[in-house]
Amino acid sequence: MNKEQAKTLIKDTFEASFDKEKFTKFIKNLLNRIDESKAFHAHGDVKEMFRNVIKTYERIGTYNSPEGKKIDIIITYLQKGYSLDHARVTQRNFAGRYLTDRGEKDAGLFAFVSPEESDWRFSLVKMDYKFEKTKTGEMKVKEEFTPARRWSFLVGANEKSHTAQSQFVNILKDDEHDPTLEEAEKAFDIETVTKEFFL
């Protein structure tokens, strides 16, 4: 994919209301390969603590990065009456709990979609698990997980995709390279872009 094709893909995906087909195409081109064999739709089976905000969610695939990190790609649908901004903490907590409960995934790429908004949020959520030694000397994940870290782009029909283009275009145009989790983090690092503008 050349630079112009990459920019067009980003614009088509991020300057419109959420479209699952366009989002999936973008993800497949961003990561080059995802395992869709374990895709599923929760059909409203959401943990009680999140049900008032999260209507349902679906995993469209999983990506195993070159350094062995497990990353799920999730679409999360909010309940009516909840805006993307109003439910930010719940979104982050839901993502963190999901990643922990699904076999201690290292990260997730989440699309958060509100039924009443033409904008949506594209987030990278990364977990930092704490390990402790058991009495038998084995290492296990500590019961309480550290808060998930989230980086996000607000995208959609009312948003321009210039920042997303500058951040993702180089990953998209390299069809031979499978990105690492660190490269994904850098793509979501808006602070870096801001520094470039003001230097």
N, C-alpha and C. Protein backbone atom coordinates (compact mmCIF):
# COMPACT_ATOMS: atom_id res chain seq x y z
N MET A 1 0.86 -1.18 0.00
CA MET A 1 0.00 0.00 0.00
C MET A 1 0.90 1.23 0.00
N ASN A 2 0.61 2.16 -0.93
CA ASN A 2 1.43 3.37 -0.95
C ASN A 2 0.86 4.41 0.02
N LYS A 3 1.58 5.53 0.14
CA LYS A 3 1.23 6.55 1.13
C LYS A 3 -0.18 7.12 0.90
N GLU A 4 -0.51 7.38 -0.37
CA GLU A 4 -1.83 7.95 -0.67
C GLU A 4 -2.95 6.96 -0.37
N GLN A 5 -2.72 5.68 -0.68
CA GLN A 5 -3.73 4.66 -0.36
C GLN A 5 -3.92 4.55 1.15
N ALA A 6 -2.82 4.65 1.90
CA ALA A 6 -2.90 4.58 3.36
C ALA A 6 -3.69 5.76 3.90
N LYS A 7 -3.43 6.96 3.38
CA LYS A 7 -4.17 8.15 3.83
C LYS A 7 -5.66 8.03 3.52
N THR A 8 -5.97 7.51 2.35
CA THR A 8 -7.38 7.33 1.95
C THR A 8 -8.08 6.34 2.87
N LEU A 9 -7.40 5.25 3.19
CA LEU A 9 -7.97 4.24 4.10
C LEU A 9 -8.26 4.85 5.47
N ILE A 10 -7.33 5.62 5.99
CA ILE A 10 -7.51 6.28 7.29
C ILE A 10 -8.68 7.26 7.22
N LYS A 11 -8.72 8.06 6.16
CA LYS A 11 -9.79 9.06 6.02
C LYS A 11 -11.15 8.37 5.92
N ASP A 12 -11.24 7.34 5.09
CA ASP A 12 -12.51 6.61 4.92
C ASP A 12 -12.99 5.99 6.22
N THR A 13 -12.06 5.52 7.04
CA THR A 13 -12.41 4.85 8.30
C THR A 13 -12.73 5.85 9.39
N PHE A 14 -11.92 6.89 9.52
CA PHE A 14 -11.97 7.77 10.68
C PHE A 14 -12.75 9.06 10.50
N GLU A 15 -13.11 9.43 9.27
CA GLU A 15 -13.89 10.66 9.08
C GLU A 15 -15.34 10.33 8.74
N ALA A 16 -15.85 9.27 9.36
CA ALA A 16 -17.24 8.84 9.14
C ALA A 16 -17.76 8.20 10.41
N SER A 17 -19.06 8.05 10.48
CA SER A 17 -19.65 7.30 11.59
C SER A 17 -19.06 5.90 11.58
N PHE A 18 -19.10 5.22 12.72
CA PHE A 18 -18.47 3.91 12.82
C PHE A 18 -19.09 2.93 11.82
N ASP A 19 -18.22 2.21 11.12
CA ASP A 19 -18.62 1.18 10.16
C ASP A 19 -17.73 -0.03 10.41
N LYS A 20 -18.33 -1.12 10.84
CA LYS A 20 -17.56 -2.32 11.21
C LYS A 20 -16.70 -2.82 10.06
N GLU A 21 -17.24 -2.82 8.86
CA GLU A 21 -16.50 -3.32 7.70
C GLU A 21 -15.26 -2.47 7.43
N LYS A 22 -15.42 -1.15 7.46
CA LYS A 22 -14.28 -0.25 7.23
C LYS A 22 -13.26 -0.37 8.36
N PHE A 23 -13.73 -0.48 9.59
CA PHE A 23 -12.84 -0.62 10.74
C PHE A 23 -12.03 -1.91 10.62
N THR A 24 -12.68 -3.00 10.27
CA THR A 24 -12.00 -4.29 10.13
C THR A 24 -10.96 -4.23 9.02
N LYS A 25 -11.29 -3.59 7.91
CA LYS A 25 -10.34 -3.44 6.81
C LYS A 25 -9.11 -2.65 7.27
N PHE A 26 -9.35 -1.56 8.00
CA PHE A 26 -8.24 -0.75 8.52
C PHE A 26 -7.34 -1.59 9.43
N ILE A 27 -7.95 -2.33 10.37
CA ILE A 27 -7.18 -3.15 11.32
C ILE A 27 -6.36 -4.21 10.58
N LYS A 28 -6.96 -4.87 9.61
CA LYS A 28 -6.24 -5.92 8.86
C LYS A 28 -5.05 -5.34 8.12
N ASN A 29 -5.18 -4.13 7.61
CA ASN A 29 -4.06 -3.49 6.91
C ASN A 29 -3.03 -2.95 7.89
N LEU A 30 -3.48 -2.48 9.05
CA LEU A 30 -2.56 -1.96 10.06
C LEU A 30 -1.67 -3.06 10.61
N LEU A 31 -2.28 -4.20 10.94
CA LEU A 31 -1.54 -5.28 11.61
C LEU A 31 -1.06 -6.36 10.64
N ASN A 32 -1.50 -6.29 9.38
CA ASN A 32 -1.15 -7.24 8.32
C ASN A 32 -1.81 -8.60 8.46
N ARG A 33 -1.99 -9.06 9.67
CA ARG A 33 -2.63 -10.37 9.86
C ARG A 33 -3.26 -10.40 11.25
N ILE A 34 -4.51 -10.84 11.29
CA ILE A 34 -5.15 -11.09 12.58
C ILE A 34 -5.81 -12.46 12.52
N ASP A 35 -5.91 -13.08 13.68
CA ASP A 35 -6.56 -14.39 13.78
C ASP A 35 -8.04 -14.14 14.05
N GLU A 36 -8.86 -14.43 13.04
CA GLU A 36 -10.30 -14.22 13.17
C GLU A 36 -11.03 -15.49 13.63
N SER A 37 -10.28 -16.56 13.86
CA SER A 37 -10.93 -17.84 14.19
C SER A 37 -11.62 -17.81 15.56
N LYS A 38 -11.21 -16.91 16.44
CA LYS A 38 -11.83 -16.84 17.76
C LYS A 38 -12.67 -15.58 17.93
N ALA A 39 -13.14 -15.04 16.81
CA ALA A 39 -14.04 -13.88 16.86
C ALA A 39 -15.34 -14.32 17.52
N PHE A 40 -15.95 -13.42 18.28
CA PHE A 40 -17.23 -13.72 18.90
C PHE A 40 -17.99 -12.43 19.20
N HIS A 41 -19.28 -12.57 19.39
CA HIS A 41 -20.14 -11.45 19.80
C HIS A 41 -20.74 -11.81 21.14
N ALA A 42 -20.66 -10.91 22.10
CA ALA A 42 -21.14 -11.19 23.46
C ALA A 42 -22.67 -11.22 23.54
N HIS A 43 -23.35 -10.66 22.55
CA HIS A 43 -24.82 -10.62 22.53
C HIS A 43 -25.40 -10.14 23.86
N GLY A 44 -24.82 -9.08 24.39
CA GLY A 44 -25.35 -8.47 25.61
C GLY A 44 -24.89 -9.12 26.90
N ASP A 45 -24.07 -10.16 26.80
CA ASP A 45 -23.57 -10.83 28.01
C ASP A 45 -22.40 -10.02 28.58
N VAL A 46 -22.76 -8.96 29.30
CA VAL A 46 -21.77 -8.02 29.85
C VAL A 46 -21.80 -8.13 31.37
N LYS A 47 -20.64 -8.07 32.00
CA LYS A 47 -20.59 -8.13 33.47
C LYS A 47 -21.52 -7.09 34.08
N GLU A 48 -22.16 -7.44 35.16
CA GLU A 48 -23.17 -6.58 35.78
C GLU A 48 -22.65 -5.18 36.10
N MET A 49 -21.39 -5.09 36.53
CA MET A 49 -20.83 -3.79 36.93
C MET A 49 -20.72 -2.81 35.76
N PHE A 50 -20.80 -3.31 34.52
CA PHE A 50 -20.67 -2.45 33.34
C PHE A 50 -21.96 -2.31 32.55
N ARG A 51 -22.99 -3.10 32.87
CA ARG A 51 -24.20 -3.18 32.05
C ARG A 51 -24.93 -1.87 31.86
N ASN A 52 -24.87 -0.98 32.85
CA ASN A 52 -25.61 0.28 32.69
C ASN A 52 -24.99 1.17 31.61
N VAL A 53 -23.71 0.95 31.26
CA VAL A 53 -23.03 1.76 30.25
C VAL A 53 -22.73 0.98 28.97
N ILE A 54 -22.30 -0.27 29.11
CA ILE A 54 -21.91 -1.09 27.96
C ILE A 54 -23.08 -2.00 27.57
N LYS A 55 -23.56 -1.85 26.34
CA LYS A 55 -24.67 -2.69 25.87
C LYS A 55 -24.17 -4.08 25.48
N THR A 56 -23.12 -4.11 24.65
CA THR A 56 -22.54 -5.38 24.22
C THR A 56 -21.17 -5.11 23.60
N TYR A 57 -20.48 -6.15 23.22
CA TYR A 57 -19.17 -6.01 22.59
C TYR A 57 -18.90 -7.22 21.72
N GLU A 58 -17.94 -7.07 20.83
CA GLU A 58 -17.53 -8.21 20.00
C GLU A 58 -16.03 -8.14 19.72
N ARG A 59 -15.44 -9.32 19.70
CA ARG A 59 -14.02 -9.42 19.33
C ARG A 59 -13.98 -9.80 17.86
N ILE A 60 -13.31 -8.97 17.04
CA ILE A 60 -13.21 -9.30 15.62
C ILE A 60 -11.95 -10.09 15.30
N GLY A 61 -11.03 -10.15 16.25
CA GLY A 61 -9.82 -10.92 16.03
C GLY A 61 -8.79 -10.70 17.10
N THR A 62 -7.70 -11.44 16.98
CA THR A 62 -6.57 -11.35 17.91
C THR A 62 -5.29 -11.21 17.09
N TYR A 63 -4.36 -10.45 17.62
CA TYR A 63 -3.07 -10.25 16.95
C TYR A 63 -1.96 -10.65 17.91
N ASN A 64 -1.04 -11.48 17.43
CA ASN A 64 0.15 -11.83 18.19
C ASN A 64 1.32 -11.07 17.57
N SER A 65 1.86 -10.13 18.33
CA SER A 65 2.93 -9.28 17.80
C SER A 65 4.24 -10.05 17.70
N PRO A 66 5.20 -9.51 16.93
CA PRO A 66 6.49 -10.21 16.77
C PRO A 66 7.20 -10.50 18.09
N GLU A 67 6.98 -9.65 19.12
CA GLU A 67 7.65 -9.89 20.41
C GLU A 67 6.79 -10.73 21.35
N GLY A 68 5.71 -11.33 20.80
CA GLY A 68 4.90 -12.27 21.58
C GLY A 68 3.80 -11.65 22.43
N LYS A 69 3.43 -10.41 22.17
CA LYS A 69 2.34 -9.76 22.91
C LYS A 69 1.00 -10.14 22.30
N LYS A 70 0.01 -10.40 23.17
CA LYS A 70 -1.33 -10.77 22.71
C LYS A 70 -2.24 -9.54 22.75
N ILE A 71 -2.79 -9.19 21.59
CA ILE A 71 -3.62 -7.99 21.45
C ILE A 71 -4.96 -8.38 20.83
N ASP A 72 -6.05 -8.09 21.54
CA ASP A 72 -7.39 -8.33 21.00
C ASP A 72 -7.91 -7.07 20.33
N ILE A 73 -8.76 -7.26 19.31
CA ILE A 73 -9.40 -6.14 18.65
C ILE A 73 -10.89 -6.24 18.96
N ILE A 74 -11.42 -5.21 19.65
CA ILE A 74 -12.77 -5.25 20.22
C ILE A 74 -13.59 -4.05 19.77
N ILE A 75 -14.84 -4.30 19.44
CA ILE A 75 -15.80 -3.22 19.21
C ILE A 75 -16.74 -3.22 20.42
N THR A 76 -16.85 -2.08 21.09
CA THR A 76 -17.67 -1.96 22.30
C THR A 76 -18.80 -0.97 22.03
N TYR A 77 -20.02 -1.45 22.22
CA TYR A 77 -21.21 -0.63 21.95
C TYR A 77 -21.78 -0.12 23.26
N LEU A 78 -21.93 1.20 23.37
CA LEU A 78 -22.47 1.80 24.59
C LEU A 78 -24.00 1.77 24.57
N GLN A 79 -24.57 1.85 25.76
CA GLN A 79 -26.02 1.94 25.90
C GLN A 79 -26.50 3.32 25.43
N LYS A 80 -27.76 3.42 25.06
CA LYS A 80 -28.35 4.72 24.74
C LYS A 80 -28.27 5.60 25.98
N GLY A 81 -28.05 6.87 25.77
CA GLY A 81 -27.99 7.81 26.89
C GLY A 81 -26.59 8.04 27.42
N TYR A 82 -25.62 7.28 26.92
CA TYR A 82 -24.24 7.47 27.37
C TYR A 82 -23.38 7.97 26.22
N SER A 83 -22.80 9.13 26.43
CA SER A 83 -21.90 9.68 25.41
C SER A 83 -20.50 9.13 25.62
N LEU A 84 -19.68 9.27 24.61
CA LEU A 84 -18.30 8.80 24.69
C LEU A 84 -17.55 9.48 25.82
N ASP A 85 -17.81 10.78 26.01
CA ASP A 85 -17.13 11.52 27.08
C ASP A 85 -17.68 11.18 28.45
N HIS A 86 -18.97 11.02 28.55
CA HIS A 86 -19.62 10.79 29.84
C HIS A 86 -19.17 9.47 30.49
N ALA A 87 -18.86 8.49 29.66
CA ALA A 87 -18.58 7.15 30.18
C ALA A 87 -17.11 6.74 30.04
N ARG A 88 -16.20 7.71 30.04
CA ARG A 88 -14.79 7.40 29.78
C ARG A 88 -14.16 6.46 30.81
N VAL A 89 -14.42 6.70 32.08
CA VAL A 89 -13.83 5.87 33.13
C VAL A 89 -14.36 4.44 33.03
N THR A 90 -15.66 4.30 32.80
CA THR A 90 -16.25 2.97 32.66
C THR A 90 -15.67 2.25 31.45
N GLN A 91 -15.48 2.98 30.36
CA GLN A 91 -14.89 2.38 29.15
C GLN A 91 -13.50 1.82 29.46
N ARG A 92 -12.69 2.63 30.14
CA ARG A 92 -11.33 2.19 30.48
C ARG A 92 -11.37 0.99 31.41
N ASN A 93 -12.24 1.03 32.42
CA ASN A 93 -12.33 -0.08 33.38
C ASN A 93 -12.86 -1.35 32.72
N PHE A 94 -13.83 -1.19 31.82
CA PHE A 94 -14.35 -2.34 31.08
C PHE A 94 -13.23 -2.97 30.26
N ALA A 95 -12.47 -2.15 29.55
CA ALA A 95 -11.38 -2.66 28.72
C ALA A 95 -10.34 -3.38 29.57
N GLY A 96 -9.98 -2.80 30.70
CA GLY A 96 -9.01 -3.43 31.59
C GLY A 96 -9.49 -4.77 32.12
N ARG A 97 -10.75 -4.82 32.54
CA ARG A 97 -11.32 -6.08 33.06
C ARG A 97 -11.41 -7.11 31.95
N TYR A 98 -11.82 -6.69 30.75
CA TYR A 98 -11.89 -7.61 29.62
C TYR A 98 -10.52 -8.24 29.35
N LEU A 99 -9.47 -7.42 29.27
CA LEU A 99 -8.14 -7.92 28.95
C LEU A 99 -7.62 -8.89 30.02
N THR A 100 -7.94 -8.60 31.27
CA THR A 100 -7.53 -9.48 32.37
C THR A 100 -8.28 -10.80 32.34
N ASP A 101 -9.58 -10.72 32.13
CA ASP A 101 -10.43 -11.92 32.15
C ASP A 101 -10.22 -12.83 30.96
N ARG A 102 -9.72 -12.29 29.87
CA ARG A 102 -9.56 -13.07 28.64
C ARG A 102 -8.15 -13.64 28.51
N GLY A 103 -7.61 -14.14 29.57
CA GLY A 103 -6.31 -14.79 29.50
C GLY A 103 -5.15 -13.83 29.56
N GLU A 104 -5.34 -12.76 30.35
CA GLU A 104 -4.27 -11.80 30.57
C GLU A 104 -3.65 -11.30 29.27
N LYS A 105 -4.50 -10.74 28.43
CA LYS A 105 -4.03 -10.13 27.18
C LYS A 105 -3.16 -8.92 27.53
N ASP A 106 -2.18 -8.67 26.68
CA ASP A 106 -1.27 -7.55 26.93
C ASP A 106 -1.90 -6.20 26.58
N ALA A 107 -2.76 -6.21 25.58
CA ALA A 107 -3.36 -4.95 25.13
C ALA A 107 -4.59 -5.25 24.28
N GLY A 108 -5.31 -4.18 23.97
CA GLY A 108 -6.45 -4.29 23.09
C GLY A 108 -6.60 -3.03 22.26
N LEU A 109 -7.03 -3.19 21.03
CA LEU A 109 -7.43 -2.07 20.20
C LEU A 109 -8.95 -2.04 20.24
N PHE A 110 -9.51 -0.98 20.80
CA PHE A 110 -10.94 -0.89 21.05
C PHE A 110 -11.57 0.23 20.22
N ALA A 111 -12.71 -0.07 19.62
CA ALA A 111 -13.58 0.96 19.05
C ALA A 111 -14.74 1.09 20.03
N PHE A 112 -14.93 2.29 20.59
CA PHE A 112 -16.05 2.56 21.48
C PHE A 112 -17.08 3.35 20.69
N VAL A 113 -18.30 2.78 20.59
CA VAL A 113 -19.32 3.32 19.72
C VAL A 113 -20.58 3.64 20.52
N SER A 114 -21.05 4.88 20.38
CA SER A 114 -22.31 5.29 21.02
C SER A 114 -23.40 5.32 19.95
N PRO A 115 -24.59 4.77 20.25
CA PRO A 115 -25.66 4.74 19.23
C PRO A 115 -26.21 6.12 18.90
N GLU A 116 -25.92 7.11 19.72
CA GLU A 116 -26.49 8.44 19.52
C GLU A 116 -25.49 9.47 19.00
N GLU A 117 -24.28 9.01 18.65
CA GLU A 117 -23.25 9.94 18.19
C GLU A 117 -22.67 9.49 16.86
N SER A 118 -22.29 10.46 16.03
CA SER A 118 -21.66 10.12 14.76
C SER A 118 -20.14 10.05 14.90
N ASP A 119 -19.64 10.40 16.09
CA ASP A 119 -18.22 10.23 16.39
C ASP A 119 -18.04 8.97 17.23
N TRP A 120 -16.83 8.44 17.25
CA TRP A 120 -16.50 7.26 18.03
C TRP A 120 -15.07 7.36 18.50
N ARG A 121 -14.69 6.49 19.40
CA ARG A 121 -13.35 6.57 19.99
C ARG A 121 -12.56 5.31 19.62
N PHE A 122 -11.33 5.53 19.12
CA PHE A 122 -10.43 4.43 18.78
C PHE A 122 -9.31 4.45 19.82
N SER A 123 -9.21 3.40 20.60
CA SER A 123 -8.28 3.39 21.74
C SER A 123 -7.35 2.19 21.73
N LEU A 124 -6.15 2.44 22.22
CA LEU A 124 -5.23 1.37 22.57
C LEU A 124 -5.23 1.31 24.09
N VAL A 125 -5.56 0.14 24.62
CA VAL A 125 -5.55 -0.06 26.07
C VAL A 125 -4.48 -1.10 26.37
N LYS A 126 -3.58 -0.74 27.25
CA LYS A 126 -2.45 -1.62 27.58
C LYS A 126 -2.48 -1.96 29.06
N MET A 127 -2.22 -3.22 29.34
CA MET A 127 -2.19 -3.68 30.72
C MET A 127 -0.75 -3.81 31.21
N ASP A 128 -0.55 -3.51 32.48
CA ASP A 128 0.72 -3.78 33.14
C ASP A 128 0.39 -4.69 34.31
N TYR A 129 0.64 -5.96 34.14
CA TYR A 129 0.30 -6.93 35.19
C TYR A 129 1.39 -6.95 36.25
N LYS A 130 0.98 -7.11 37.49
CA LYS A 130 1.92 -7.28 38.59
C LYS A 130 1.97 -8.76 38.95
N PHE A 131 3.18 -9.25 39.12
CA PHE A 131 3.34 -10.66 39.46
C PHE A 131 3.81 -10.79 40.90
N GLU A 132 3.42 -11.89 41.52
CA GLU A 132 3.90 -12.17 42.87
C GLU A 132 4.24 -13.64 42.98
N LYS A 133 5.13 -13.95 43.90
CA LYS A 133 5.56 -15.33 44.10
C LYS A 133 4.62 -16.00 45.10
N THR A 134 4.15 -17.19 44.74
CA THR A 134 3.27 -17.94 45.65
C THR A 134 4.13 -18.66 46.69
N LYS A 135 3.47 -19.29 47.68
CA LYS A 135 4.20 -20.03 48.72
C LYS A 135 5.02 -21.17 48.15
N THR A 136 4.58 -21.70 46.99
CA THR A 136 5.31 -22.80 46.36
C THR A 136 6.44 -22.31 45.45
N GLY A 137 6.58 -20.98 45.36
CA GLY A 137 7.66 -20.42 44.56
C GLY A 137 7.28 -20.10 43.12
N GLU A 138 6.03 -20.37 42.75
CA GLU A 138 5.58 -20.07 41.39
C GLU A 138 5.22 -18.59 41.27
N MET A 139 5.33 -18.08 40.05
CA MET A 139 4.93 -16.69 39.78
C MET A 139 3.50 -16.70 39.26
N LYS A 140 2.67 -15.81 39.80
CA LYS A 140 1.30 -15.68 39.29
C LYS A 140 0.91 -14.21 39.29
N VAL A 141 -0.11 -13.91 38.48
CA VAL A 141 -0.58 -12.53 38.41
C VAL A 141 -1.29 -12.19 39.70
N LYS A 142 -0.95 -11.03 40.23
CA LYS A 142 -1.60 -10.56 41.45
C LYS A 142 -3.08 -10.33 41.17
N GLU A 143 -3.91 -10.62 42.13
CA GLU A 143 -5.36 -10.54 41.93
C GLU A 143 -5.81 -9.16 41.47
N GLU A 144 -5.34 -8.10 42.12
CA GLU A 144 -5.76 -6.78 41.66
C GLU A 144 -4.83 -6.34 40.55
N PHE A 145 -5.40 -6.02 39.38
CA PHE A 145 -4.56 -5.60 38.26
C PHE A 145 -4.32 -4.10 38.36
N THR A 146 -3.20 -3.66 37.80
CA THR A 146 -2.92 -2.23 37.80
C THR A 146 -3.89 -1.56 36.83
N PRO A 147 -4.19 -0.29 37.02
CA PRO A 147 -5.13 0.37 36.12
C PRO A 147 -4.65 0.30 34.68
N ALA A 148 -5.59 0.05 33.78
CA ALA A 148 -5.25 0.01 32.36
C ALA A 148 -4.87 1.40 31.90
N ARG A 149 -3.88 1.46 31.01
CA ARG A 149 -3.51 2.74 30.41
C ARG A 149 -4.18 2.82 29.04
N ARG A 150 -4.74 3.97 28.74
CA ARG A 150 -5.47 4.11 27.48
C ARG A 150 -5.02 5.35 26.73
N TRP A 151 -4.79 5.17 25.43
CA TRP A 151 -4.52 6.27 24.52
C TRP A 151 -5.64 6.24 23.49
N SER A 152 -6.17 7.41 23.11
CA SER A 152 -7.33 7.42 22.23
C SER A 152 -7.29 8.52 21.18
N PHE A 153 -7.97 8.22 20.08
CA PHE A 153 -8.30 9.20 19.07
C PHE A 153 -9.82 9.34 19.07
N LEU A 154 -10.33 10.57 19.11
CA LEU A 154 -11.74 10.79 18.87
C LEU A 154 -11.88 10.97 17.37
N VAL A 155 -12.65 10.11 16.74
CA VAL A 155 -12.78 10.10 15.29
C VAL A 155 -14.26 10.11 14.93
N GLY A 156 -14.57 10.22 13.64
CA GLY A 156 -15.96 10.16 13.22
C GLY A 156 -16.33 11.26 12.25
N ALA A 157 -17.63 11.37 11.99
CA ALA A 157 -18.15 12.28 10.97
C ALA A 157 -17.82 13.74 11.24
N ASN A 158 -17.64 14.11 12.51
CA ASN A 158 -17.36 15.51 12.86
C ASN A 158 -15.88 15.79 13.10
N GLU A 159 -15.03 14.81 12.84
CA GLU A 159 -13.61 14.95 13.15
C GLU A 159 -12.76 14.83 11.89
N LYS A 160 -11.65 15.52 11.87
CA LYS A 160 -10.67 15.38 10.80
C LYS A 160 -9.65 14.32 11.22
N SER A 161 -9.01 13.70 10.25
CA SER A 161 -8.11 12.58 10.56
C SER A 161 -6.64 12.92 10.33
N HIS A 162 -6.27 14.20 10.33
CA HIS A 162 -4.88 14.58 10.06
C HIS A 162 -3.91 13.93 11.04
N THR A 163 -4.24 13.97 12.32
CA THR A 163 -3.33 13.39 13.32
C THR A 163 -3.23 11.89 13.14
N ALA A 164 -4.37 11.23 12.94
CA ALA A 164 -4.35 9.77 12.71
C ALA A 164 -3.55 9.44 11.46
N GLN A 165 -3.70 10.25 10.42
CA GLN A 165 -2.92 9.99 9.20
C GLN A 165 -1.43 10.07 9.48
N SER A 166 -1.02 11.13 10.19
CA SER A 166 0.42 11.29 10.45
C SER A 166 0.95 10.17 11.34
N GLN A 167 0.10 9.60 12.19
CA GLN A 167 0.54 8.57 13.13
C GLN A 167 0.52 7.16 12.53
N PHE A 168 -0.45 6.86 11.68
CA PHE A 168 -0.62 5.48 11.21
C PHE A 168 -0.13 5.22 9.79
N VAL A 169 0.10 6.27 9.01
CA VAL A 169 0.41 6.07 7.60
C VAL A 169 1.67 5.23 7.38
N ASN A 170 2.71 5.44 8.17
CA ASN A 170 3.95 4.68 7.97
C ASN A 170 3.80 3.20 8.29
N ILE A 171 2.99 2.89 9.29
CA ILE A 171 2.74 1.47 9.61
C ILE A 171 1.92 0.83 8.49
N LEU A 172 0.90 1.55 8.01
CA LEU A 172 0.02 1.01 6.98
C LEU A 172 0.75 0.75 5.66
N LYS A 173 1.65 1.65 5.30
CA LYS A 173 2.28 1.51 3.97
C LYS A 173 3.36 0.43 3.94
N ASP A 174 3.73 -0.11 5.08
CA ASP A 174 4.73 -1.19 5.11
C ASP A 174 4.00 -2.53 5.22
N ASP A 175 3.67 -3.11 4.07
CA ASP A 175 2.90 -4.35 4.03
C ASP A 175 3.68 -5.57 4.53
N GLU A 176 4.98 -5.47 4.58
CA GLU A 176 5.81 -6.62 4.96
C GLU A 176 6.12 -6.67 6.46
N HIS A 177 5.89 -5.58 7.14
CA HIS A 177 6.31 -5.47 8.55
C HIS A 177 5.12 -5.66 9.49
N ASP A 178 5.25 -6.60 10.42
CA ASP A 178 4.22 -6.77 11.45
C ASP A 178 4.59 -5.87 12.63
N PRO A 179 3.73 -4.91 12.97
CA PRO A 179 4.08 -3.94 14.02
C PRO A 179 4.15 -4.56 15.41
N THR A 180 5.03 -4.01 16.22
CA THR A 180 5.15 -4.43 17.62
C THR A 180 4.15 -3.62 18.44
N LEU A 181 3.93 -4.04 19.68
CA LEU A 181 3.07 -3.28 20.59
C LEU A 181 3.66 -1.90 20.84
N GLU A 182 4.98 -1.82 20.93
CA GLU A 182 5.64 -0.53 21.14
C GLU A 182 5.39 0.42 19.97
N GLU A 183 5.40 -0.10 18.75
CA GLU A 183 5.11 0.74 17.58
C GLU A 183 3.66 1.22 17.60
N ALA A 184 2.75 0.36 18.05
CA ALA A 184 1.35 0.76 18.19
C ALA A 184 1.22 1.86 19.22
N GLU A 185 1.93 1.72 20.35
CA GLU A 185 1.91 2.77 21.38
C GLU A 185 2.38 4.10 20.81
N LYS A 186 3.46 4.07 20.04
CA LYS A 186 4.00 5.31 19.45
C LYS A 186 2.99 5.95 18.51
N ALA A 187 2.24 5.12 17.79
CA ALA A 187 1.23 5.65 16.86
C ALA A 187 0.12 6.37 17.61
N PHE A 188 -0.15 5.94 18.85
CA PHE A 188 -1.19 6.57 19.65
C PHE A 188 -0.66 7.72 20.51
N ASP A 189 0.65 7.95 20.47
CA ASP A 189 1.26 8.97 21.32
C ASP A 189 1.09 10.35 20.70
N ILE A 190 -0.04 10.99 21.02
CA ILE A 190 -0.36 12.31 20.47
C ILE A 190 0.63 13.36 20.96
N GLU A 191 1.17 13.16 22.15
CA GLU A 191 2.12 14.13 22.72
C GLU A 191 3.31 14.31 21.79
N THR A 192 3.75 13.20 21.17
CA THR A 192 4.87 13.28 20.26
C THR A 192 4.53 14.18 19.08
N VAL A 193 3.33 14.01 18.55
CA VAL A 193 2.89 14.83 17.42
C VAL A 193 2.82 16.29 17.84
N THR A 194 2.25 16.54 19.01
CA THR A 194 2.13 17.90 19.52
C THR A 194 3.51 18.56 19.65
N LYS A 195 4.48 17.80 20.16
CA LYS A 195 5.83 18.33 20.30
C LYS A 195 6.40 18.70 18.92
N GLU A 196 6.13 17.84 17.91
CA GLU A 196 6.64 18.13 16.57
C GLU A 196 6.06 19.44 16.05
N PHE A 197 4.78 19.69 16.30
CA PHE A 197 4.15 20.91 15.82
C PHE A 197 4.72 22.15 16.47
N PHE A 198 5.14 22.03 17.71
CA PHE A 198 5.57 23.22 18.47
C PHE A 198 7.08 23.37 18.59
N LEU A 199 7.85 22.51 17.98
CA LEU A 199 9.31 22.65 18.02
C LEU A 199 9.78 23.78 17.14
